[in-house]
Protein backbone atom coordinates (compact mmCIF):
# COMPACT_ATOMS: atom_id res chain seq x y z
CA MET A 1 0.00 0.00 0.00
CA ALA A 2 1.10 3.55 -0.70
CA GLU A 3 1.61 5.77 2.34
CA VAL A 4 1.28 9.50 3.04
CA HIS A 5 2.63 11.04 6.23
CA VAL A 6 1.47 14.58 7.08
CA ILE A 7 3.55 16.42 9.68
CA GLY A 8 3.12 20.09 10.44
CA GLN A 9 1.14 22.64 12.33
CA ILE A 10 -1.78 25.01 12.29
CA VAL A 11 0.28 28.18 12.62
CA GLY A 12 -2.55 30.60 13.36
CA ALA A 13 -5.37 32.71 11.97
CA SER A 14 -5.74 36.31 10.82
CA GLY A 15 -8.28 38.65 9.27
CA PHE A 16 -11.14 37.84 11.64
CA PRO A 17 -13.30 40.67 13.02
CA ASP A 18 -12.41 39.92 16.62
CA HIS A 19 -9.68 38.03 18.43
CA ASN A 20 -9.50 35.40 21.18
CA LEU A 21 -9.82 32.61 18.64
CA PHE A 22 -9.53 28.85 18.67
CA CYS A 23 -9.84 26.32 15.89
CA LYS A 24 -11.43 22.88 15.61
CA TRP A 25 -9.96 20.81 12.77
CA GLY A 26 -10.39 17.42 11.15
CA ILE A 27 -9.08 15.45 8.20
CA HIS A 28 -11.57 13.79 5.86
CA THR A 29 -10.60 11.07 3.37
CA GLY A 30 -12.23 8.70 0.95
CA GLY A 31 -12.98 5.04 1.61
CA ALA A 32 -9.65 3.70 0.32
CA TRP A 33 -7.68 5.55 3.00
CA LYS A 34 -6.73 4.10 6.39
CA VAL A 35 -5.13 5.92 9.34
CA LEU A 36 -2.02 4.06 10.52
CA ALA A 37 -1.07 6.51 13.27
CA GLY A 38 -2.07 9.93 14.54
CA LEU A 39 -5.25 11.83 15.19
CA ARG A 40 -7.86 12.61 12.57
CA GLU A 41 -9.26 15.63 14.44
CA GLY A 42 -8.42 18.05 17.22
CA GLN A 43 -8.75 21.50 18.71
CA THR A 44 -6.27 24.29 19.36
CA GLN A 45 -6.03 26.39 22.49
CA VAL A 46 -7.64 29.83 22.70
CA ASP A 47 -5.16 32.57 21.83
CA HIS A 48 -5.63 35.97 23.45
CA PRO A 49 -3.23 38.09 21.35
CA GLN A 50 -1.98 41.32 22.83
CA ASN A 51 -1.14 42.93 19.49
CA HIS A 52 -4.64 42.24 18.06
CA GLU A 53 -3.35 41.41 14.58
CA ALA A 54 -3.41 37.62 14.48
CA ALA A 55 -3.98 34.56 16.65
CA PHE A 56 -1.12 32.07 16.93
CA PHE A 57 -1.85 28.43 17.68
CA ALA A 58 1.28 26.44 16.70
CA HIS A 59 -0.93 23.35 17.01
CA PRO A 60 0.77 20.14 15.79
CA ILE A 61 -0.63 17.84 13.12
CA ASP A 62 0.94 14.41 12.70
CA ILE A 63 -1.01 11.72 10.84
CA HIS A 64 0.09 8.72 8.78
CA PHE A 65 -2.18 7.24 6.07
CA ALA A 66 -2.09 4.12 3.94
CA THR A 67 -4.11 4.01 0.73
CA LYS A 68 -5.13 1.66 -2.06
CA GLY A 69 -6.09 4.49 -4.44
CA LEU A 70 -5.94 8.20 -5.01
CA GLN A 71 -9.67 8.87 -4.85
CA GLY A 72 -10.68 10.71 -1.72
CA TRP A 73 -7.33 12.47 -1.23
CA PRO A 74 -7.20 13.92 2.32
CA ARG A 75 -8.77 17.32 3.00
CA ILE A 76 -8.33 19.29 6.19
CA HIS A 77 -11.35 21.25 7.39
CA PHE A 78 -11.64 23.96 10.02
CA GLN A 79 -14.14 25.62 12.29
CA VAL A 80 -12.80 28.88 13.74
CA TRP A 81 -14.48 29.99 16.96
CA HIS A 82 -14.32 33.18 19.02
CA GLN A 83 -14.41 33.13 22.82
CA ASP A 84 -15.82 36.30 24.36
CA GLN A 85 -15.00 37.80 27.77
CA PHE A 86 -17.75 35.70 29.41
CA GLY A 87 -16.41 32.40 28.01
CA ARG A 88 -19.17 32.04 25.39
CA HIS A 89 -18.21 30.56 22.02
CA GLU A 90 -19.35 31.98 18.70
CA LEU A 91 -18.66 30.44 15.30
CA TYR A 92 -16.53 32.73 13.14
CA GLY A 93 -15.92 30.59 10.07
CA TYR A 94 -15.64 27.32 8.20
CA GLY A 95 -12.97 26.40 5.71
CA PHE A 96 -11.17 23.50 4.08
CA CYS A 97 -8.22 22.82 1.82
CA HIS A 98 -6.69 19.76 0.22
CA ILE A 99 -3.56 18.25 1.68
CA PRO A 100 -0.78 18.87 -0.91
CA THR A 101 -0.19 16.06 -3.40
CA SER A 102 3.57 16.53 -3.66
CA PRO A 103 6.21 15.74 -1.05
CA GLY A 104 8.04 18.52 0.73
CA THR A 105 7.23 21.48 2.95
CA HIS A 106 4.16 23.55 2.08
CA VAL A 107 3.00 26.87 3.55
CA MET A 108 -0.73 27.24 2.97
CA ASP A 109 -3.48 29.75 3.64
CA CYS A 110 -7.02 28.44 4.00
CA PRO A 111 -9.77 31.07 3.51
CA THR A 112 -12.85 30.73 5.69
CA TRP A 113 -16.51 31.70 5.38
CA ARG A 114 -19.62 31.63 7.52
CA PRO A 115 -23.32 31.32 6.71
CA VAL A 116 -25.41 34.49 6.65
CA GLY A 117 -28.81 34.29 8.27
CA SER A 118 -32.00 36.21 7.68
CA PHE A 119 -32.42 39.85 8.73
CA MET A 120 -33.92 38.79 12.08
CA GLU A 121 -31.07 36.33 12.71
CA THR A 122 -28.54 39.06 11.90
CA MET A 123 -30.22 41.45 14.37
CA SER A 124 -30.35 38.75 17.02
CA GLN A 125 -26.66 37.99 16.43
CA TYR A 126 -25.78 41.67 16.84
CA PHE A 127 -27.63 42.11 20.14
CA LEU A 128 -27.48 38.63 21.70
CA GLY A 129 -24.46 36.99 20.09
CA GLY A 130 -24.34 33.62 18.39
CA SER A 131 -24.34 33.06 14.67
CA PRO A 132 -25.93 30.72 12.13
CA GLN A 133 -24.28 27.29 11.94
CA LEU A 134 -24.47 24.41 9.52
CA LYS A 135 -26.79 21.56 10.48
CA ASN A 136 -24.61 19.17 8.49
CA PRO A 137 -20.87 19.90 8.92
CA ASP A 138 -20.10 17.68 5.88
CA LEU A 139 -20.99 20.72 3.74
CA ILE A 140 -17.66 22.27 4.75
CA TYR A 141 -15.66 19.95 2.49
CA ASN A 142 -18.40 18.37 0.36
CA GLY A 143 -19.63 20.81 -2.29
CA ALA A 144 -22.85 18.98 -3.22
CA ASP A 145 -25.31 21.42 -1.59
CA ARG A 146 -22.94 24.24 -0.69
CA TYR A 147 -23.99 26.30 -3.72
CA ARG A 148 -27.32 27.03 -2.01
CA LEU A 149 -25.73 28.67 1.01
CA HIS A 150 -25.55 32.42 1.49
CA THR A 151 -22.16 33.14 2.98
CA VAL A 152 -19.77 35.93 3.86
CA ALA A 153 -15.97 35.74 3.72
CA MET A 154 -14.13 35.71 7.02
CA GLY A 155 -10.43 35.39 7.88
CA THR A 156 -7.68 32.97 6.95
CA VAL A 157 -6.17 29.95 8.72
CA HIS A 158 -2.42 29.55 8.16
CA LEU A 159 -0.78 26.11 7.89
CA ARG A 160 2.72 24.72 7.49
CA LEU A 161 2.69 21.06 6.41
CA GLY A 162 5.41 18.59 5.52
CA ILE A 163 4.35 15.74 3.24
CA ILE A 164 6.23 12.44 3.03
CA MET A 165 5.14 9.87 0.42
CA ARG A 166 6.19 6.24 0.30
CA ASN A 167 5.67 3.38 -2.17
CA PHE A 168 3.76 5.47 -4.72
CA ASP A 169 6.31 4.48 -7.40
CA LYS A 170 5.39 0.80 -6.92
CA PHE A 171 1.87 1.67 -8.06
CA GLY A 172 2.96 3.71 -11.09
CA ILE A 173 2.46 7.14 -9.51
CA GLU A 174 5.30 9.63 -9.88
CA CYS A 175 5.94 12.03 -7.00
């Protein structure tokens, strides 16, 4: 079986309207992929930046896959959350990007978005907090019904990933 080892980190996030952010992440793959070692999902700590320009997480990612085919190449998806002064959590954005298909070190930026609610939901969000959320989180990385969503662009999640590939040449795939 061919193997892909992803080693790196979620560096941080920037461009969000407020700070005190944390990030929930997960890696989604197709059916031919098997996790040999590592975690498929996790959560960063809350960063309370003093300079108010960006949040830094430096959260490690280390996962090792084996695969029988290329379909369903791994995708990493994010949910960026804001923690207010009272400890309440508000969703700030969803995003996903594909794990790079070439070996080496990759610096990536993953743009995020969030759903926009109706006028009444927007007013409620302004005065009471909270924000619209997806009922089915699979829409983050699965574009089947995403075209129907009304969204607004949010900030960017920054990644640094190292990709190691093994035994792909045995299956006729050049890296």
